[in-house]
Amino acid sequence: MIEEYALADNFRLEDRAIWCTDRPSLEAASAAFRRPDSGHRNSPWFKTALKLHSVDSARDRYRAWAAVE
């Protein structure tokens, strides 16, 4: 649904961070989801601000990140 920018470091991003978080930094939000699972108390779902994005808003977030990249 999101066309990846070929010259960006897309390996730094997690889909869950693009679609489900409200943090301004996609890389910081993605880093939280890449940590090993250590139980529900330390889950990134509890440690980050959540917001379910529409397709258009997720695309806009990705495009803004790729423009800085």
PDB file of N, CA and C in Angstrom:
ATOM      1  N   MET A   1       0.805  -1.192   0.000  1.00  0.00           N
ATOM      2  CA  MET A   1       0.000   0.000   0.000  1.00  0.00           C
ATOM      3  C   MET A   1       0.850   1.259   0.000  1.00  0.00           C
ATOM      4  N   ILE A   2       2.071   1.128   0.487  1.00  0.00           N
ATOM      5  CA  ILE A   2       2.988   2.263   0.478  1.00  0.00           C
ATOM      6  C   ILE A   2       4.128   1.922  -0.463  1.00  0.00           C
ATOM      7  N   GLU A   3       4.355   2.771  -1.423  1.00  0.00           N
ATOM      8  CA  GLU A   3       5.454   2.558  -2.357  1.00  0.00           C
ATOM      9  C   GLU A   3       6.746   3.024  -1.697  1.00  0.00           C
ATOM     10  N   GLU A   4       7.682   2.099  -1.529  1.00  0.00           N
ATOM     11  CA  GLU A   4       8.930   2.420  -0.849  1.00  0.00           C
ATOM     12  C   GLU A   4       9.844   3.250  -1.751  1.00  0.00           C
ATOM     13  N   TYR A   5      10.507   4.204  -1.137  1.00  0.00           N
ATOM     14  CA  TYR A   5      11.493   5.012  -1.822  1.00  0.00           C
ATOM     15  C   TYR A   5      12.760   4.170  -1.949  1.00  0.00           C
ATOM     16  N   ALA A   6      13.235   3.975  -3.148  1.00  0.00           N
ATOM     17  CA  ALA A   6      14.331   3.045  -3.417  1.00  0.00           C
ATOM     18  C   ALA A   6      15.652   3.447  -2.762  1.00  0.00           C
ATOM     19  N   LEU A   7      15.911   4.723  -2.595  1.00  0.00           N
ATOM     20  CA  LEU A   7      17.199   5.155  -2.058  1.00  0.00           C
ATOM     21  C   LEU A   7      17.189   5.353  -0.540  1.00  0.00           C
ATOM     22  N   ALA A   8      16.071   5.059   0.111  1.00  0.00           N
ATOM     23  CA  ALA A   8      15.974   5.243   1.566  1.00  0.00           C
ATOM     24  C   ALA A   8      16.450   3.987   2.289  1.00  0.00           C
ATOM     25  N   ASP A   9      16.794   4.140   3.554  1.00  0.00           N
ATOM     26  CA  ASP A   9      17.172   3.012   4.407  1.00  0.00           C
ATOM     27  C   ASP A   9      15.906   2.411   5.005  1.00  0.00           C
ATOM     28  N   ASN A  10      15.136   1.730   4.186  1.00  0.00           N
ATOM     29  CA  ASN A  10      13.845   1.200   4.608  1.00  0.00           C
ATOM     30  C   ASN A  10      13.953   0.113   5.668  1.00  0.00           C
ATOM     31  N   PHE A  11      15.125  -0.485   5.825  1.00  0.00           N
ATOM     32  CA  PHE A  11      15.296  -1.522   6.831  1.00  0.00           C
ATOM     33  C   PHE A  11      15.154  -0.965   8.240  1.00  0.00           C
ATOM     34  N   ARG A  12      15.238   0.337   8.400  1.00  0.00           N
ATOM     35  CA  ARG A  12      15.122   0.965   9.722  1.00  0.00           C
ATOM     36  C   ARG A  12      13.681   1.089  10.206  1.00  0.00           C
ATOM     37  N   LEU A  13      12.731   0.902   9.308  1.00  0.00           N
ATOM     38  CA  LEU A  13      11.329   1.120   9.654  1.00  0.00           C
ATOM     39  C   LEU A  13      10.572  -0.188   9.846  1.00  0.00           C
ATOM     40  N   GLU A  14       9.613  -0.145  10.750  1.00  0.00           N
ATOM     41  CA  GLU A  14       8.690  -1.246  10.983  1.00  0.00           C
ATOM     42  C   GLU A  14       7.311  -0.811  10.522  1.00  0.00           C
ATOM     43  N   ASP A  15       6.593  -1.701   9.897  1.00  0.00           N
ATOM     44  CA  ASP A  15       5.242  -1.385   9.435  1.00  0.00           C
ATOM     45  C   ASP A  15       4.339  -0.958  10.586  1.00  0.00           C
ATOM     46  N   ARG A  16       4.486  -1.620  11.735  1.00  0.00           N
ATOM     47  CA  ARG A  16       3.651  -1.275  12.895  1.00  0.00           C
ATOM     48  C   ARG A  16       3.872   0.156  13.331  1.00  0.00           C
ATOM     49  N   ALA A  17       5.089   0.647  13.202  1.00  0.00           N
ATOM     50  CA  ALA A  17       5.378   2.029  13.587  1.00  0.00           C
ATOM     51  C   ALA A  17       4.748   3.021  12.610  1.00  0.00           C
ATOM     52  N   ILE A  18       4.757   2.695  11.339  1.00  0.00           N
ATOM     53  CA  ILE A  18       4.170   3.587  10.337  1.00  0.00           C
ATOM     54  C   ILE A  18       2.661   3.674  10.501  1.00  0.00           C
ATOM     55  N   TRP A  19       2.031   2.540  10.718  1.00  0.00           N
ATOM     56  CA  TRP A  19       0.572   2.479  10.718  1.00  0.00           C
ATOM     57  C   TRP A  19      -0.068   2.721  12.081  1.00  0.00           C
ATOM     58  N   CYS A  20       0.638   2.467  13.183  1.00  0.00           N
ATOM     59  CA  CYS A  20      -0.039   2.429  14.486  1.00  0.00           C
ATOM     60  C   CYS A  20       0.524   3.358  15.555  1.00  0.00           C
ATOM     61  N   THR A  21       1.541   4.145  15.269  1.00  0.00           N
ATOM     62  CA  THR A  21       2.090   5.016  16.304  1.00  0.00           C
ATOM     63  C   THR A  21       1.891   6.484  15.956  1.00  0.00           C
ATOM     64  N   ASP A  22       2.042   7.306  16.963  1.00  0.00           N
ATOM     65  CA  ASP A  22       1.872   8.748  16.774  1.00  0.00           C
ATOM     66  C   ASP A  22       3.153   9.506  17.114  1.00  0.00           C
ATOM     67  N   ARG A  23       4.270   8.813  17.199  1.00  0.00           N
ATOM     68  CA  ARG A  23       5.531   9.483  17.480  1.00  0.00           C
ATOM     69  C   ARG A  23       6.007  10.230  16.243  1.00  0.00           C
ATOM     70  N   PRO A  24       6.598  11.400  16.424  1.00  0.00           N
ATOM     71  CA  PRO A  24       7.077  12.146  15.258  1.00  0.00           C
ATOM     72  C   PRO A  24       8.230  11.441  14.529  1.00  0.00           C
ATOM     73  N   SER A  25       9.043  10.699  15.250  1.00  0.00           N
ATOM     74  CA  SER A  25      10.176  10.015  14.637  1.00  0.00           C
ATOM     75  C   SER A  25       9.798   8.569  14.326  1.00  0.00           C
ATOM     76  N   LEU A  26       9.718   8.242  13.052  1.00  0.00           N
ATOM     77  CA  LEU A  26       9.406   6.867  12.668  1.00  0.00           C
ATOM     78  C   LEU A  26      10.522   5.904  13.049  1.00  0.00           C
ATOM     79  N   GLU A  27      11.750   6.360  13.004  1.00  0.00           N
ATOM     80  CA  GLU A  27      12.869   5.482  13.360  1.00  0.00           C
ATOM     81  C   GLU A  27      12.854   5.139  14.841  1.00  0.00           C
ATOM     82  N   ALA A  28      12.532   6.103  15.685  1.00  0.00           N
ATOM     83  CA  ALA A  28      12.463   5.833  17.126  1.00  0.00           C
ATOM     84  C   ALA A  28      11.306   4.894  17.444  1.00  0.00           C
ATOM     85  N   ALA A  29      10.177   5.110  16.799  1.00  0.00           N
ATOM     86  CA  ALA A  29       9.032   4.220  17.013  1.00  0.00           C
ATOM     87  C   ALA A  29       9.342   2.814  16.513  1.00  0.00           C
ATOM     88  N   SER A  30      10.028   2.711  15.399  1.00  0.00           N
ATOM     89  CA  SER A  30      10.392   1.406  14.847  1.00  0.00           C
ATOM     90  C   SER A  30      11.372   0.675  15.747  1.00  0.00           C
ATOM     91  N   ALA A  31      12.296   1.402  16.342  1.00  0.00           N
ATOM     92  CA  ALA A  31      13.291   0.786  17.223  1.00  0.00           C
ATOM     93  C   ALA A  31      12.618   0.101  18.407  1.00  0.00           C
ATOM     94  N   ALA A  32      11.550   0.688  18.912  1.00  0.00           N
ATOM     95  CA  ALA A  32      10.838   0.082  20.042  1.00  0.00           C
ATOM     96  C   ALA A  32      10.264  -1.280  19.665  1.00  0.00           C
ATOM     97  N   PHE A  33       9.816  -1.435  18.435  1.00  0.00           N
ATOM     98  CA  PHE A  33       9.227  -2.701  18.005  1.00  0.00           C
ATOM     99  C   PHE A  33      10.273  -3.738  17.624  1.00  0.00           C
ATOM    100  N   ARG A  34      11.522  -3.348  17.450  1.00  0.00           N
ATOM    101  CA  ARG A  34      12.562  -4.299  17.078  1.00  0.00           C
ATOM    102  C   ARG A  34      13.256  -4.920  18.283  1.00  0.00           C
ATOM    103  N   ARG A  35      12.932  -4.464  19.472  1.00  0.00           N
ATOM    104  CA  ARG A  35      13.535  -5.049  20.675  1.00  0.00           C
ATOM    105  C   ARG A  35      12.930  -6.427  20.946  1.00  0.00           C
ATOM    106  N   PRO A  36      13.698  -7.319  21.569  1.00  0.00           N
ATOM    107  CA  PRO A  36      13.160  -8.645  21.883  1.00  0.00           C
ATOM    108  C   PRO A  36      11.971  -8.553  22.842  1.00  0.00           C
ATOM    109  N   ASP A  37      11.062  -9.481  22.714  1.00  0.00           N
ATOM    110  CA  ASP A  37       9.875  -9.510  23.566  1.00  0.00           C
ATOM    111  C   ASP A  37      10.279  -9.902  24.979  1.00  0.00           C
ATOM    112  N   SER A  38       9.946  -9.055  25.936  1.00  0.00           N
ATOM    113  CA  SER A  38      10.277  -9.352  27.336  1.00  0.00           C
ATOM    114  C   SER A  38       9.026  -9.280  28.211  1.00  0.00           C
ATOM    115  N   GLY A  39       7.910  -9.636  27.660  1.00  0.00           N
ATOM    116  CA  GLY A  39       6.689  -9.671  28.448  1.00  0.00           C
ATOM    117  C   GLY A  39       5.784  -8.494  28.171  1.00  0.00           C
ATOM    118  N   HIS A  40       4.565  -8.607  28.650  1.00  0.00           N
ATOM    119  CA  HIS A  40       3.574  -7.586  28.336  1.00  0.00           C
ATOM    120  C   HIS A  40       3.835  -6.251  29.028  1.00  0.00           C
ATOM    121  N   ARG A  41       4.495  -6.234  30.146  1.00  0.00           N
ATOM    122  CA  ARG A  41       4.754  -4.964  30.842  1.00  0.00           C
ATOM    123  C   ARG A  41       5.744  -4.080  30.098  1.00  0.00           C
ATOM    124  N   ASN A  42       6.615  -4.683  29.332  1.00  0.00           N
ATOM    125  CA  ASN A  42       7.606  -3.928  28.570  1.00  0.00           C
ATOM    126  C   ASN A  42       7.283  -3.888  27.075  1.00  0.00           C
ATOM    127  N   SER A  43       6.065  -4.210  26.736  1.00  0.00           N
ATOM    128  CA  SER A  43       5.652  -4.241  25.339  1.00  0.00           C
ATOM    129  C   SER A  43       5.691  -2.837  24.731  1.00  0.00           C
ATOM    130  N   PRO A  44       6.157  -2.721  23.491  1.00  0.00           N
ATOM    131  CA  PRO A  44       6.157  -1.409  22.842  1.00  0.00           C
ATOM    132  C   PRO A  44       4.751  -0.850  22.651  1.00  0.00           C
ATOM    133  N   TRP A  45       3.749  -1.716  22.646  1.00  0.00           N
ATOM    134  CA  TRP A  45       2.369  -1.240  22.502  1.00  0.00           C
ATOM    135  C   TRP A  45       1.948  -0.412  23.712  1.00  0.00           C
ATOM    136  N   PHE A  46       2.569  -0.653  24.879  1.00  0.00           N
ATOM    137  CA  PHE A  46       2.268   0.128  26.080  1.00  0.00           C
ATOM    138  C   PHE A  46       3.210   1.317  26.249  1.00  0.00           C
ATOM    139  N   LYS A  47       4.338   1.303  25.553  1.00  0.00           N
ATOM    140  CA  LYS A  47       5.369   2.323  25.746  1.00  0.00           C
ATOM    141  C   LYS A  47       5.337   3.447  24.719  1.00  0.00           C
ATOM    142  N   THR A  48       4.468   3.386  23.753  1.00  0.00           N
ATOM    143  CA  THR A  48       4.433   4.401  22.711  1.00  0.00           C
ATOM    144  C   THR A  48       3.014   4.938  22.557  1.00  0.00           C
ATOM    145  N   ALA A  49       2.925   6.148  22.061  1.00  0.00           N
ATOM    146  CA  ALA A  49       1.610   6.741  21.790  1.00  0.00           C
ATOM    147  C   ALA A  49       1.018   6.058  20.562  1.00  0.00           C
ATOM    148  N   LEU A  50      -0.199   5.603  20.689  1.00  0.00           N
ATOM    149  CA  LEU A  50      -0.836   4.858  19.605  1.00  0.00           C
ATOM    150  C   LEU A  50      -1.828   5.720  18.844  1.00  0.00           C
ATOM    151  N   LYS A  51      -1.856   5.510  17.550  1.00  0.00           N
ATOM    152  CA  LYS A  51      -2.836   6.145  16.677  1.00  0.00           C
ATOM    153  C   LYS A  51      -2.922   5.292  15.429  1.00  0.00           C
ATOM    154  N   LEU A  52      -4.111   4.881  15.083  1.00  0.00           N
ATOM    155  CA  LEU A  52      -4.295   4.086  13.884  1.00  0.00           C
ATOM    156  C   LEU A  52      -4.448   5.028  12.698  1.00  0.00           C
ATOM    157  N   HIS A  53      -3.541   4.924  11.750  1.00  0.00           N
ATOM    158  CA  HIS A  53      -3.522   5.827  10.600  1.00  0.00           C
ATOM    159  C   HIS A  53      -4.301   5.244   9.427  1.00  0.00           C
ATOM    160  N   SER A  54      -4.860   6.135   8.642  1.00  0.00           N
ATOM    161  CA  SER A  54      -5.479   5.727   7.387  1.00  0.00           C
ATOM    162  C   SER A  54      -4.364   5.489   6.364  1.00  0.00           C
ATOM    163  N   VAL A  55      -4.726   4.948   5.225  1.00  0.00           N
ATOM    164  CA  VAL A  55      -3.736   4.702   4.179  1.00  0.00           C
ATOM    165  C   VAL A  55      -3.080   6.019   3.765  1.00  0.00           C
ATOM    166  N   ASP A  56      -3.872   7.056   3.592  1.00  0.00           N
ATOM    167  CA  ASP A  56      -3.323   8.353   3.172  1.00  0.00           C
ATOM    168  C   ASP A  56      -2.388   8.951   4.212  1.00  0.00           C
ATOM    169  N   SER A  57      -2.760   8.904   5.483  1.00  0.00           N
ATOM    170  CA  SER A  57      -1.897   9.499   6.498  1.00  0.00           C
ATOM    171  C   SER A  57      -0.623   8.673   6.696  1.00  0.00           C
ATOM    172  N   ALA A  58      -0.703   7.348   6.555  1.00  0.00           N
ATOM    173  CA  ALA A  58       0.508   6.517   6.647  1.00  0.00           C
ATOM    174  C   ALA A  58       1.441   6.810   5.480  1.00  0.00           C
ATOM    175  N   ARG A  59       0.874   6.988   4.295  1.00  0.00           N
ATOM    176  CA  ARG A  59       1.698   7.351   3.141  1.00  0.00           C
ATOM    177  C   ARG A  59       2.365   8.704   3.355  1.00  0.00           C
ATOM    178  N   ASP A  60       1.626   9.650   3.899  1.00  0.00           N
ATOM    179  CA  ASP A  60       2.195  10.970   4.160  1.00  0.00           C
ATOM    180  C   ASP A  60       3.323  10.898   5.172  1.00  0.00           C
ATOM    181  N   ARG A  61       3.161  10.095   6.220  1.00  0.00           N
ATOM    182  CA  ARG A  61       4.224   9.932   7.227  1.00  0.00           C
ATOM    183  C   ARG A  61       5.475   9.335   6.588  1.00  0.00           C
ATOM    184  N   TYR A  62       5.286   8.308   5.756  1.00  0.00           N
ATOM    185  CA  TYR A  62       6.422   7.676   5.102  1.00  0.00           C
ATOM    186  C   TYR A  62       7.095   8.649   4.139  1.00  0.00           C
ATOM    187  N   ARG A  63       6.312   9.371   3.369  1.00  0.00           N
ATOM    188  CA  ARG A  63       6.887  10.333   2.420  1.00  0.00           C
ATOM    189  C   ARG A  63       7.667  11.421   3.137  1.00  0.00           C
ATOM    190  N   ALA A  64       7.160  11.892   4.267  1.00  0.00           N
ATOM    191  CA  ALA A  64       7.879  12.917   5.044  1.00  0.00           C
ATOM    192  C   ALA A  64       9.216  12.342   5.551  1.00  0.00           C
ATOM    193  N   TRP A  65       9.202  11.098   6.003  1.00  0.00           N
ATOM    194  CA  TRP A  65      10.440  10.468   6.457  1.00  0.00           C
ATOM    195  C   TRP A  65      11.415  10.290   5.305  1.00  0.00           C
ATOM    196  N   ALA A  66      10.929   9.838   4.140  1.00  0.00           N
ATOM    197  CA  ALA A  66      11.786   9.613   2.978  1.00  0.00           C
ATOM    198  C   ALA A  66      12.352  10.931   2.440  1.00  0.00           C
ATOM    199  N   ALA A  67      11.612  12.019   2.577  1.00  0.00           N
ATOM    200  CA  ALA A  67      12.103  13.318   2.100  1.00  0.00           C
ATOM    201  C   ALA A  67      13.291  13.781   2.916  1.00  0.00           C
ATOM    202  N   VAL A  68      13.326  13.459   4.186  1.00  0.00           N
ATOM    203  CA  VAL A  68      14.452  13.838   5.057  1.00  0.00           C
ATOM    204  C   VAL A  68      15.638  12.915   4.806  1.00  0.00           C
ATOM    205  N   GLU A  69      15.344  11.662   4.495  1.00  0.00           N
ATOM    206  CA  GLU A  69      16.363  10.655   4.232  1.00  0.00           C
ATOM    207  C   GLU A  69      17.161  11.097   3.088  1.00  0.00           C
TER     208      GLU A  69
END
